Amino acid sequence: MLDHAELLCDNCFFGPSYYYYCFEADNKILIGYQRTHVLNWEDKSKNYLTKAHKGWTVWTPPGETVPISFDDSHIWVTRPNGKSVKLTQSYSRDVFITNGQCREAVKTKAP
């Protein structure tokens, strides 16, 4: 994994937060996001819905190297419990500020 970025929903009542991830695999730069429904107030880093629906827990990379699989529209990463998280590939938002490879992939593939 090269980089990640968050577009958090602040003071939300069932609004979405977006978590973007940038990977390098098979000499390709892949960018995918996870859209998560959020219920929070005062603290945008919290999501009170995850207590009731564990599937809406945000994937947190365990390190720089993570096993992934992908096709033309999705990326799958594995949580430590063995369950997969499906990320949607998207190159339309320039959200990575610390990695030039990720920013270049957005510029190259954006419509």
N, C-alpha and C. Protein backbone atom coordinates (compact mmCIF):
# COMPACT_ATOMS: atom_id res chain seq x y z
N MET A 1 0.84 -1.16 0.00
CA MET A 1 0.00 0.00 0.00
C MET A 1 0.88 1.23 0.00
N LEU A 2 0.56 2.16 -0.90
CA LEU A 2 1.36 3.36 -1.03
C LEU A 2 0.85 4.52 -0.19
N ASP A 3 -0.47 4.69 -0.11
CA ASP A 3 -1.03 5.85 0.59
C ASP A 3 -2.51 5.60 0.88
N HIS A 4 -3.07 6.40 1.75
CA HIS A 4 -4.51 6.37 2.00
C HIS A 4 -4.98 7.77 2.38
N ALA A 5 -6.27 8.03 2.19
CA ALA A 5 -6.85 9.34 2.50
C ALA A 5 -8.29 9.13 2.95
N GLU A 6 -8.78 10.06 3.75
CA GLU A 6 -10.14 9.98 4.27
C GLU A 6 -10.91 11.25 3.95
N LEU A 7 -12.14 11.08 3.50
CA LEU A 7 -13.07 12.19 3.34
C LEU A 7 -14.22 11.90 4.29
N LEU A 8 -14.11 12.44 5.50
CA LEU A 8 -15.03 12.07 6.57
C LEU A 8 -16.27 12.95 6.59
N CYS A 9 -17.37 12.33 6.93
CA CYS A 9 -18.64 13.03 7.10
C CYS A 9 -18.68 13.51 8.55
N ASP A 10 -18.74 14.80 8.74
CA ASP A 10 -18.73 15.39 10.07
C ASP A 10 -20.15 15.69 10.51
N ASN A 11 -20.50 15.33 11.73
CA ASN A 11 -21.82 15.56 12.29
C ASN A 11 -22.91 14.98 11.39
N CYS A 12 -22.80 13.69 11.14
CA CYS A 12 -23.66 13.02 10.15
C CYS A 12 -24.76 12.21 10.80
N PHE A 13 -25.87 12.17 10.10
CA PHE A 13 -26.97 11.27 10.43
C PHE A 13 -27.20 10.41 9.20
N PHE A 14 -26.56 9.26 9.14
CA PHE A 14 -26.59 8.34 8.00
C PHE A 14 -26.00 8.93 6.73
N GLY A 15 -24.97 9.75 6.85
CA GLY A 15 -24.25 10.24 5.68
C GLY A 15 -23.06 9.33 5.42
N PRO A 16 -22.46 9.41 4.23
CA PRO A 16 -21.32 8.54 3.94
C PRO A 16 -19.97 9.21 4.21
N SER A 17 -19.02 8.41 4.63
CA SER A 17 -17.62 8.80 4.66
C SER A 17 -16.92 7.94 3.61
N TYR A 18 -15.88 8.48 3.01
CA TYR A 18 -15.14 7.78 1.96
C TYR A 18 -13.70 7.60 2.42
N TYR A 19 -13.20 6.38 2.26
CA TYR A 19 -11.83 6.04 2.63
C TYR A 19 -11.13 5.54 1.37
N TYR A 20 -10.13 6.28 0.92
CA TYR A 20 -9.41 5.96 -0.32
C TYR A 20 -8.08 5.28 0.01
N TYR A 21 -7.72 4.31 -0.84
CA TYR A 21 -6.48 3.55 -0.66
C TYR A 21 -5.78 3.46 -2.02
N CYS A 22 -4.47 3.57 -1.99
CA CYS A 22 -3.66 3.49 -3.21
C CYS A 22 -2.66 2.34 -3.05
N PHE A 23 -2.66 1.44 -4.01
CA PHE A 23 -1.81 0.25 -3.98
C PHE A 23 -0.94 0.20 -5.23
N GLU A 24 0.17 -0.51 -5.10
CA GLU A 24 0.98 -0.87 -6.26
C GLU A 24 0.96 -2.39 -6.34
N ALA A 25 0.51 -2.91 -7.49
CA ALA A 25 0.43 -4.35 -7.69
C ALA A 25 0.66 -4.66 -9.16
N ASP A 26 1.47 -5.64 -9.44
CA ASP A 26 1.75 -6.06 -10.82
C ASP A 26 2.14 -4.88 -11.71
N ASN A 27 3.01 -4.02 -11.20
CA ASN A 27 3.48 -2.83 -11.92
C ASN A 27 2.36 -1.88 -12.31
N LYS A 28 1.26 -1.89 -11.54
CA LYS A 28 0.13 -0.99 -11.76
C LYS A 28 -0.13 -0.22 -10.47
N ILE A 29 -0.66 0.98 -10.61
CA ILE A 29 -1.13 1.74 -9.47
C ILE A 29 -2.65 1.60 -9.44
N LEU A 30 -3.17 1.09 -8.34
CA LEU A 30 -4.61 0.87 -8.17
C LEU A 30 -5.13 1.77 -7.07
N ILE A 31 -6.25 2.44 -7.33
CA ILE A 31 -6.89 3.30 -6.34
C ILE A 31 -8.31 2.81 -6.15
N GLY A 32 -8.66 2.59 -4.90
CA GLY A 32 -10.01 2.14 -4.57
C GLY A 32 -10.51 2.85 -3.33
N TYR A 33 -11.83 2.87 -3.19
CA TYR A 33 -12.40 3.49 -2.01
C TYR A 33 -13.44 2.60 -1.37
N GLN A 34 -13.63 2.82 -0.08
CA GLN A 34 -14.66 2.17 0.70
C GLN A 34 -15.63 3.26 1.16
N ARG A 35 -16.90 3.11 0.82
CA ARG A 35 -17.95 4.05 1.24
C ARG A 35 -18.63 3.45 2.45
N THR A 36 -18.65 4.20 3.56
CA THR A 36 -19.19 3.69 4.80
C THR A 36 -20.27 4.63 5.31
N HIS A 37 -21.43 4.07 5.66
CA HIS A 37 -22.50 4.86 6.26
C HIS A 37 -22.07 5.27 7.67
N VAL A 38 -22.40 6.51 8.04
CA VAL A 38 -21.92 7.05 9.30
C VAL A 38 -23.07 7.65 10.11
N LEU A 39 -23.00 7.42 11.40
CA LEU A 39 -23.85 8.10 12.36
C LEU A 39 -22.90 8.63 13.43
N ASN A 40 -22.74 9.94 13.48
CA ASN A 40 -21.84 10.53 14.46
C ASN A 40 -22.28 11.95 14.79
N TRP A 41 -21.69 12.51 15.79
CA TRP A 41 -21.86 13.91 16.12
C TRP A 41 -20.64 14.32 16.94
N GLU A 42 -20.23 15.54 16.80
CA GLU A 42 -19.11 16.16 17.51
C GLU A 42 -17.74 15.59 17.14
N ASP A 43 -17.63 14.32 16.90
CA ASP A 43 -16.34 13.72 16.60
C ASP A 43 -16.43 12.96 15.29
N LYS A 44 -15.87 13.53 14.22
CA LYS A 44 -16.01 12.91 12.90
C LYS A 44 -15.25 11.60 12.76
N SER A 45 -14.36 11.29 13.69
CA SER A 45 -13.62 10.03 13.59
C SER A 45 -14.43 8.85 14.13
N LYS A 46 -15.59 9.08 14.73
CA LYS A 46 -16.40 8.00 15.28
C LYS A 46 -17.53 7.63 14.32
N ASN A 47 -17.96 6.39 14.43
CA ASN A 47 -19.12 5.92 13.70
C ASN A 47 -19.90 5.00 14.63
N TYR A 48 -21.00 5.51 15.16
CA TYR A 48 -21.77 4.76 16.14
C TYR A 48 -22.56 3.60 15.51
N LEU A 49 -22.62 3.55 14.19
CA LEU A 49 -23.32 2.45 13.52
C LEU A 49 -22.55 1.13 13.56
N THR A 50 -21.23 1.20 13.73
CA THR A 50 -20.44 -0.03 13.68
C THR A 50 -20.73 -0.95 14.86
N LYS A 51 -21.29 -0.42 15.94
CA LYS A 51 -21.67 -1.29 17.07
C LYS A 51 -22.80 -2.24 16.65
N ALA A 52 -23.70 -1.76 15.80
CA ALA A 52 -24.84 -2.57 15.37
C ALA A 52 -24.56 -3.34 14.08
N HIS A 53 -23.68 -2.81 13.23
CA HIS A 53 -23.41 -3.42 11.93
C HIS A 53 -21.90 -3.48 11.72
N LYS A 54 -21.29 -4.59 12.12
CA LYS A 54 -19.82 -4.73 12.08
C LYS A 54 -19.26 -4.62 10.66
N GLY A 55 -20.08 -4.89 9.64
CA GLY A 55 -19.64 -4.80 8.25
C GLY A 55 -19.30 -3.38 7.82
N TRP A 56 -19.74 -2.39 8.57
CA TRP A 56 -19.44 -0.99 8.24
C TRP A 56 -18.19 -0.48 8.95
N THR A 57 -17.43 -1.39 9.53
CA THR A 57 -16.16 -1.00 10.13
C THR A 57 -15.17 -0.71 9.02
N VAL A 58 -14.47 0.37 9.14
CA VAL A 58 -13.51 0.79 8.11
C VAL A 58 -12.31 -0.14 8.12
N TRP A 59 -11.87 -0.54 6.93
CA TRP A 59 -10.68 -1.38 6.81
C TRP A 59 -9.46 -0.54 7.16
N THR A 60 -8.63 -1.07 8.04
CA THR A 60 -7.39 -0.42 8.43
C THR A 60 -6.25 -1.31 7.98
N PRO A 61 -5.35 -0.79 7.13
CA PRO A 61 -4.25 -1.63 6.65
C PRO A 61 -3.35 -2.07 7.80
N PRO A 62 -2.99 -3.34 7.85
CA PRO A 62 -2.13 -3.83 8.93
C PRO A 62 -0.66 -3.46 8.74
N GLY A 63 -0.29 -2.99 7.57
CA GLY A 63 1.10 -2.61 7.30
C GLY A 63 1.22 -2.15 5.87
N GLU A 64 2.46 -1.99 5.42
CA GLU A 64 2.68 -1.51 4.05
C GLU A 64 2.37 -2.57 3.01
N THR A 65 2.56 -3.83 3.35
CA THR A 65 2.30 -4.92 2.41
C THR A 65 1.02 -5.63 2.82
N VAL A 66 0.06 -5.65 1.90
CA VAL A 66 -1.21 -6.32 2.17
C VAL A 66 -1.57 -7.17 0.97
N PRO A 67 -2.15 -8.35 1.20
CA PRO A 67 -2.57 -9.17 0.06
C PRO A 67 -3.84 -8.59 -0.56
N ILE A 68 -3.82 -8.42 -1.87
CA ILE A 68 -5.00 -7.92 -2.58
C ILE A 68 -5.24 -8.76 -3.82
N SER A 69 -6.46 -8.69 -4.29
CA SER A 69 -6.81 -9.20 -5.62
C SER A 69 -7.66 -8.12 -6.25
N PHE A 70 -7.73 -8.13 -7.59
CA PHE A 70 -8.45 -7.06 -8.26
C PHE A 70 -8.91 -7.49 -9.63
N ASP A 71 -9.92 -6.77 -10.12
CA ASP A 71 -10.34 -6.90 -11.52
C ASP A 71 -10.43 -5.48 -12.07
N ASP A 72 -11.16 -5.27 -13.14
CA ASP A 72 -11.22 -3.95 -13.75
C ASP A 72 -12.00 -2.91 -12.95
N SER A 73 -12.82 -3.35 -12.00
CA SER A 73 -13.63 -2.37 -11.27
C SER A 73 -13.55 -2.46 -9.75
N HIS A 74 -12.93 -3.50 -9.20
CA HIS A 74 -12.87 -3.66 -7.75
C HIS A 74 -11.49 -4.12 -7.28
N ILE A 75 -11.25 -3.88 -6.00
CA ILE A 75 -10.06 -4.37 -5.31
C ILE A 75 -10.55 -5.06 -4.04
N TRP A 76 -10.04 -6.23 -3.74
CA TRP A 76 -10.41 -6.94 -2.52
C TRP A 76 -9.19 -7.01 -1.62
N VAL A 77 -9.36 -6.60 -0.38
CA VAL A 77 -8.32 -6.72 0.65
C VAL A 77 -8.89 -7.58 1.77
N THR A 78 -8.02 -8.18 2.54
CA THR A 78 -8.46 -9.11 3.57
C THR A 78 -8.23 -8.53 4.96
N ARG A 79 -9.27 -8.59 5.78
CA ARG A 79 -9.16 -8.17 7.19
C ARG A 79 -8.38 -9.25 7.95
N PRO A 80 -7.86 -8.92 9.14
CA PRO A 80 -7.15 -9.94 9.94
C PRO A 80 -8.02 -11.16 10.28
N ASN A 81 -9.35 -11.00 10.33
CA ASN A 81 -10.22 -12.14 10.64
C ASN A 81 -10.47 -13.02 9.42
N GLY A 82 -9.88 -12.67 8.27
CA GLY A 82 -10.01 -13.47 7.06
C GLY A 82 -11.11 -13.03 6.11
N LYS A 83 -11.99 -12.13 6.55
CA LYS A 83 -13.06 -11.66 5.67
C LYS A 83 -12.52 -10.58 4.73
N SER A 84 -13.06 -10.58 3.51
CA SER A 84 -12.60 -9.62 2.50
C SER A 84 -13.42 -8.34 2.54
N VAL A 85 -12.76 -7.25 2.19
CA VAL A 85 -13.40 -5.94 2.03
C VAL A 85 -13.29 -5.59 0.56
N LYS A 86 -14.43 -5.24 -0.04
CA LYS A 86 -14.44 -4.87 -1.46
C LYS A 86 -14.34 -3.35 -1.59
N LEU A 87 -13.31 -2.91 -2.30
CA LEU A 87 -13.12 -1.49 -2.60
C LEU A 87 -13.51 -1.27 -4.06
N THR A 88 -14.12 -0.14 -4.33
CA THR A 88 -14.48 0.22 -5.69
C THR A 88 -13.34 1.03 -6.30
N GLN A 89 -12.87 0.60 -7.47
CA GLN A 89 -11.81 1.36 -8.12
C GLN A 89 -12.36 2.69 -8.62
N SER A 90 -11.58 3.75 -8.39
CA SER A 90 -11.96 5.08 -8.84
C SER A 90 -10.70 5.94 -8.98
N TYR A 91 -10.65 6.66 -10.06
CA TYR A 91 -9.50 7.53 -10.34
C TYR A 91 -9.96 8.97 -10.58
N SER A 92 -11.10 9.33 -9.99
CA SER A 92 -11.69 10.64 -10.28
C SER A 92 -11.37 11.72 -9.24
N ARG A 93 -10.83 11.35 -8.08
CA ARG A 93 -10.55 12.34 -7.05
C ARG A 93 -9.07 12.34 -6.69
N ASP A 94 -8.49 13.51 -6.70
CA ASP A 94 -7.09 13.67 -6.32
C ASP A 94 -7.02 13.94 -4.82
N VAL A 95 -7.05 12.87 -4.02
CA VAL A 95 -7.10 12.99 -2.57
C VAL A 95 -5.76 12.67 -1.90
N PHE A 96 -4.79 12.20 -2.66
CA PHE A 96 -3.51 11.81 -2.08
C PHE A 96 -2.53 12.97 -2.18
N ILE A 97 -2.05 13.43 -1.02
CA ILE A 97 -1.15 14.58 -1.05
C ILE A 97 0.30 14.20 -0.80
N THR A 98 0.55 12.97 -0.33
CA THR A 98 1.91 12.61 0.03
C THR A 98 2.58 11.65 -0.94
N ASN A 99 1.87 11.19 -1.96
CA ASN A 99 2.46 10.20 -2.86
C ASN A 99 2.25 10.60 -4.32
N GLY A 100 3.34 10.86 -5.00
CA GLY A 100 3.29 11.28 -6.40
C GLY A 100 2.78 10.20 -7.34
N GLN A 101 3.07 8.94 -7.06
CA GLN A 101 2.59 7.86 -7.92
C GLN A 101 1.06 7.80 -7.90
N CYS A 102 0.47 7.96 -6.74
CA CYS A 102 -0.99 7.92 -6.63
C CYS A 102 -1.61 9.13 -7.33
N ARG A 103 -1.03 10.29 -7.15
CA ARG A 103 -1.55 11.50 -7.81
C ARG A 103 -1.44 11.39 -9.32
N GLU A 104 -0.36 10.81 -9.80
CA GLU A 104 -0.18 10.64 -11.25
C GLU A 104 -1.19 9.66 -11.82
N ALA A 105 -1.51 8.61 -11.07
CA ALA A 105 -2.53 7.65 -11.53
C ALA A 105 -3.88 8.32 -11.68
N VAL A 106 -4.22 9.23 -10.78
CA VAL A 106 -5.48 9.97 -10.88
C VAL A 106 -5.47 10.82 -12.13
N LYS A 107 -4.39 11.54 -12.37
CA LYS A 107 -4.29 12.42 -13.54
C LYS A 107 -4.34 11.63 -14.84
N THR A 108 -3.70 10.46 -14.87
CA THR A 108 -3.62 9.65 -16.07
C THR A 108 -4.94 8.99 -16.41
N LYS A 109 -5.66 8.49 -15.41
CA LYS A 109 -6.88 7.70 -15.66
C LYS A 109 -8.17 8.46 -15.50
N ALA A 110 -8.12 9.68 -15.01
CA ALA A 110 -9.37 10.43 -14.80
C ALA A 110 -10.03 10.72 -16.14
N PRO A 111 -11.39 10.69 -16.17
CA PRO A 111 -12.11 10.91 -17.42
C PRO A 111 -11.98 12.33 -17.92
